[in-house]
Amino acid sequence: MRRSNDEEGCFLYFEEAIRAEILRGMENLFSAVAFAP
């Protein structure tokens, strides 16, 4: 079943947003660990 371009673009955008959120979360976690006593 072929998806429409609109759906495809929306899905790709959603995937990018999730990836950005995960990367930001990992950065925060890393800096918290790095600067922990």
C-alpha atoms as a PDB file:
ATOM      1  CA  MET A   1       0.000   0.000   0.000  1.00  0.00           C
ATOM      2  CA  ARG A   2       1.480   3.306  -1.116  1.00  0.00           C
ATOM      3  CA  ARG A   3       1.327   6.238   1.259  1.00  0.00           C
ATOM      4  CA  SER A   4       0.673   9.759   0.024  1.00  0.00           C
ATOM      5  CA  ASN A   5       3.533  12.276  -0.044  1.00  0.00           C
ATOM      6  CA  ASP A   6       1.762  14.306   2.605  1.00  0.00           C
ATOM      7  CA  GLU A   7       1.685  11.376   5.011  1.00  0.00           C
ATOM      8  CA  GLU A   8       5.290  10.522   4.211  1.00  0.00           C
ATOM      9  CA  GLY A   9       6.487  14.059   4.947  1.00  0.00           C
ATOM     10  CA  CYS A  10       4.550  14.194   8.198  1.00  0.00           C
ATOM     11  CA  PHE A  11       6.040  10.892   9.324  1.00  0.00           C
ATOM     12  CA  LEU A  12       9.575  11.997   8.456  1.00  0.00           C
ATOM     13  CA  TYR A  13       9.097  15.250  10.359  1.00  0.00           C
ATOM     14  CA  PHE A  14       7.767  13.322  13.355  1.00  0.00           C
ATOM     15  CA  GLU A  15      10.767  10.977  13.256  1.00  0.00           C
ATOM     16  CA  GLU A  16      13.167  13.953  13.156  1.00  0.00           C
ATOM     17  CA  ALA A  17      11.452  15.527  16.159  1.00  0.00           C
ATOM     18  CA  ILE A  18      11.733  12.308  18.161  1.00  0.00           C
ATOM     19  CA  ARG A  19      15.405  11.922  17.248  1.00  0.00           C
ATOM     20  CA  ALA A  20      16.127  15.520  18.308  1.00  0.00           C
ATOM     21  CA  GLU A  21      14.333  14.970  21.637  1.00  0.00           C
ATOM     22  CA  ILE A  22      16.292  11.783  22.327  1.00  0.00           C
ATOM     23  CA  LEU A  23      19.604  13.461  21.488  1.00  0.00           C
ATOM     24  CA  ARG A  24      18.788  16.391  23.770  1.00  0.00           C
ATOM     25  CA  GLY A  25      17.833  14.010  26.565  1.00  0.00           C
ATOM     26  CA  MET A  26      21.066  12.056  26.137  1.00  0.00           C
ATOM     27  CA  GLU A  27      23.100  15.278  26.232  1.00  0.00           C
ATOM     28  CA  ASN A  28      21.418  16.332  29.469  1.00  0.00           C
ATOM     29  CA  LEU A  29      21.993  12.897  30.970  1.00  0.00           C
ATOM     30  CA  PHE A  30      25.644  12.911  29.913  1.00  0.00           C
ATOM     31  CA  SER A  31      26.348  16.366  31.346  1.00  0.00           C
ATOM     32  CA  ALA A  32      24.579  15.397  34.578  1.00  0.00           C
ATOM     33  CA  VAL A  33      26.774  12.296  34.873  1.00  0.00           C
ATOM     34  CA  ALA A  34      29.939  14.135  33.811  1.00  0.00           C
ATOM     35  CA  PHE A  35      29.538  16.862  36.434  1.00  0.00           C
ATOM     36  CA  ALA A  36      28.296  14.620  39.231  1.00  0.00           C
ATOM     37  CA  PRO A  37      30.598  14.514  42.281  1.00  0.00           C
END
